[in-house]
Amino acid sequence: MAAAGQHALAQSNATTTIYGEVATPAGATVVLQNLDTGTQRTLTPDASGRYVANSMPPGRYALRVLRNGVVQESREVEAVVGSGAEVNFGAAAAQGQTVVVRAARTVIDVSSTNNGVVFTAKELKALPVANDVASVVQLTPGVARGTNSQYGNAPSIGGSGQSENAFYVNGFPVTNILTQVGASELPFGAISNMQVLSGGYGAEFGRSTGGVVNITTKSGGNDFHAGGKLSTIPASLRGAPQNTYYPNTGTHADTDGKLLYWNQDNRTTSKVAGLYGSGPIIKNKLFAFIGLERTKTSSESIAATTDASAVSLKSGWSTGDTTTDRGLVKLDFNLTEDHHFEYTKLYDRTEVFSRAYGFDYTTLAHNNVPATAGETTVNCCGAAAAPGANIDVFKYTGYLTDNLTVTAVYGKSRTHHTRTPSGYDPALAQVSTGITVQVPTLNYPVPQTVTGNLVDPSSRDSQKGKRLDIEYRLGDHSLRGGIDRIDVDSKVGFMLAGGYRWTYRKAADPARAINGAFETPAQGGGYGTQGYYVSRDYYSNLANPTSEQSAQYLQDHWQITPRVLLDLGLRREQFTNYTSTGDAFISQRNMIAPRLGVTWDYAGDGSVKLFANAGRYHLPVPSNLSSNMAAPFTSTSEYFTYTGVDQVTGAPTGLHAISKPYSANNAYGQSRDAREVTAIGLKPLSQDEMSLGFEKAFNKQLVVGASVLYRRMNDTNDDTCDQRPIDAWAARNHVDASHWSGFQCAIINPGRDNALWINFNDGKGLQRVDISAAEWGDPKPDRTYKALNLFAEHPLSNGWYGKVTYTLSALKGNMEGQTDTIGGGDVGLTVSDDHKELMYNAYGYLPGDHRHAIKAYGFVQLTPEWNVGANLSLISGAPRNCIGELPADLKWSGDYGAAYFYCNGKPTPRGSQGRLPWQATLDLNAAYMPRFAKGLSLKVDVFNVFDRQTVQRYNETREDGGGAIARSYLQVTSRTAPRSVRLTAEYEF
């Protein structure tokens, strides 16, 4: 009988567990030694011969059974993150014989109830896959590419939205702090293990209703290792992107079928240089690993359409140079064999330098004439899906006894966001002027070349995370519990370039009062007597959103029979979001998330595993929501007359104020009352899931499995901006709303009764407004994901590895989640529930629905010098929609135009307009490792071998706001990336 069926394992998804049995335990000890660091841990088997080593760092281990100081049996095993490695010692140990066996990774891990996969560094190096985390995640069954390109390549896992995943590096969260979309990345060559959990994870993990991506990095050992790589994807070996044409609408003869964007001259070249080194600082005690990577990308692309104005065509060709620097430092210190310390430094920074030049559609060529100064910009550190970061993580692991382990983690992360246009002088105010508003005898210079808004230079994110876990093994129970807390502090927003703007104006009647002014221009004197005046405009929406996320959990891994492991978990979470003034506007407390998992070692020898799990999962509100809903906002203008213009700065001189700062929308920098921002007792976004499956190992060369997964959204948070139910309440309750400035939107639970605090400015202060679900008119959120997953795998042996998966799934509902494909917008603020008409006909197959998905990947060592690999993806197309205007009988003053599931006045339910084409991509690679240059590897990867540039998305908005078919209806907006070739030279010693 396999030892797996006799152990209660406190399996952590952030480390690994090594377990087994010794046939004759009397007088025996088991010594585990990390083969890279020499670190040892000594365990004494219990009376039945069982031993368990929890919270071990992933890596290669030698295990030895000793009696009286003599080694009697030895085995080696590779243990990976989030899995259990089983090593058993037989009767040979009792007979005084010495046996050495090299053990492979367990074919089936019967100690885990999770749904997911683990990729090792060796597999990541051998497979033809882009060197980023999101691309590796795509290999996992049930994972689809995100439906909204606004969020980059952030994945959708198990039908979830792009903001519903959690990412960890060495146990510390690295998910985008502000939006929860994407994560900070590390040098790809620094990854040791990458675990992708697509469901069923225990109470240890939370803050995710999609998946968990858990990465452990490489560490140093007693041997010195160093190496480097050079990689390039040259433009000359890329396929030419297809041009974009106007769709054939049948109603626009002047544009139907004609060229819109000339894309085929778009070019991109990227180059990567990496250096890696590791080794001992103090042998057997202190180790270091350092990884550095720099990626430089140069691109040229069309930036204007064929019908662009002459002014736009002067900047119709865009070039960009992007530099991404990523670094990782990992230090490991073994104070003793029972006390281990780690330090991880992660650095991720991206800078973009872009320029604009003219483009001529008659010759289809760009010139070398730069666009007006100020078109050139530098962007640093902070796209939605590439947040960047500067992270420090400290970790302690203490093996206090054979049965008691303590783990503590503390980390902090900082990210800065800036956008600095070329030639920008932050001390120089903008000047807005035109010939019709200028005094004829004066000259009006415009020295500030940058106009509009810029990211506020103080924008940044910071995060502090603390976590404590305790594991204790008690008979058939292995108990694990812990607490954690994350504190997020951000500054985010925009301000006018130069700080403010001088806007020159002219009044038709100098003697007529201006709105907000206490004097007329004529009374102000100077050129005001002729109607000329100027305003000093300020605009700023800098917010300082903060949030606290804390959780406590208990997990009991209970070996109820020798073959059945029951995993009982309970998680309690608290999420609090604060306004810029420190007032809590979302406080979600005591959220209980039960988790249940079970595995059955059916045959008792680890060859057949049956498993099931169920649980509830909660998702916090991203902190960027408060920067939109509960942040101070300034938009004021102060009016002056003037007597002259400074010929250096363009600013007016001889000023005489004729008003105080005035805001037409009452935006004087004050924050909203936190109590008015959200519904009273707001429930969090939550999801329930259940899964059932089995795995069978026919032998060490073939493993097959099947599983079913069901997920259902219970509630979500979204904003509503519909004032009609509030007006009706005020009328019913005889409230004087004549002085009320109006409803500014609030966060509610769609489909439920919601109560709001509202100040009607009637002298009575805040009043509670109770509105039923029927009065709001929004349906209860509905999102269900059903999937059948099948796989067949050939574990790495005999020189090759391969895996084939098939997923049959259905994703239906009326709500995508915190992100919205159709309306776009900010995370957590979708268009869907702004008012009830937006949800008419909204139920159907969601944009992330792909009925069939076949994924196959693997690699083979043809000879000692040659390896080849392949990655095949066949994904059925997503559903299509038709978005248009409300029928005449439903139109109202606050409707959004063409934003509804109606076309030509008729209902067009979500997903009812057919399907996009299948996506089929094949990636191949070949690596040559010459015998005459040991450590050298030359590799070529070809992505999208057949250059199939399949349509991934159309413009689904049919109507143009005037009742006619829009020129862009069914215009292609996204295609599969063209074929590209990556050439890599790598050397290790």
Foldseek 3Di string as FASTA:
>chain_A
DWQLLFAQDPFDQLAEKEWGFECQQVQKKKWKAAPFFRQIDIGRAPPNGIFMDPRHHFHKIKIFIDHPRDTQEIEIEGTAGRAYAYDYHYPSSVVSHYYYYYDYGFLFGLNDQFPWDKDFLVNVVFFQFPLWDLGVLVQIPQKDFALACLLPRQIFFQLAHQLFEWEEESRHTFQDQFFSHAGATAGSSFWGMWMKTQDQDFQVDFQGPGIYIHTYTDWAGADKKKWKKKKKFFQVFFAFDDFFAFDQPVPCVPGHRHTWFDRRPKTKMKMKIKIKIKHAPDRSFKIKIKIKMKMKMKIKGFQGTPPDDPLCQQQGIKIKIKIKIWMKMKMWGPPHSFKIKIKIWIWIKMKMWMWGGGADPVVRDTDPHTHQAQRIKMWMAPRNNHRTKTKMKMKMWGCPDSFKIKIKMKMKIKTFTFMGGPPADLQFAAEADDPVQDDVVADFDGPGRHWDKTKPRVWMKMKIKIKMKMWGDDRQKIKIKMKMKMKIKTKTKIWTRSQKYKYKGFDPDQQDDDVQFQHGLCVQDACSVVRIKIKIKIWMLIWIKMKMKMKIKMWIFGSPGSFKTKIWMKMFMWIWIATRVGHTLDTAGGDIKIKIKMWGCPVSHSFKIKMKMKMKHFHYRRRVVNSVQWTQIDIWIWMWHANHADPPRSHGHRTGTRHDTDDPLPRHRDTDDSQQAAFPNAHTWMKIKMKIKMKGHPDLFKIKMKMKMKMKIQWHKEKAQDCVLVVVQCVVVVNDLVVASGGPIHIHTAQAWTWGWDDSVPPPHTDIDTDGNVSQQGHHWIKMKIKMKIKMWGPDDPFKTKMKMKMFMFIWTLDSGQADSQQGDGRRYGPCSRGNQQSVLSTDGDQRDWRMKMWMKMKGAPDPFKIKIKIKIKTAFGAAAAWAAAAPVPDDDPDDGGRHCDDLNHGIHPRNPGGFGIDIKMKMKMWGQDPVAHQKIKMKIKTRVVQFFGQRDANRYQDDRPNHGDSRHRTGDGTDGGIIMMIMIMGMD
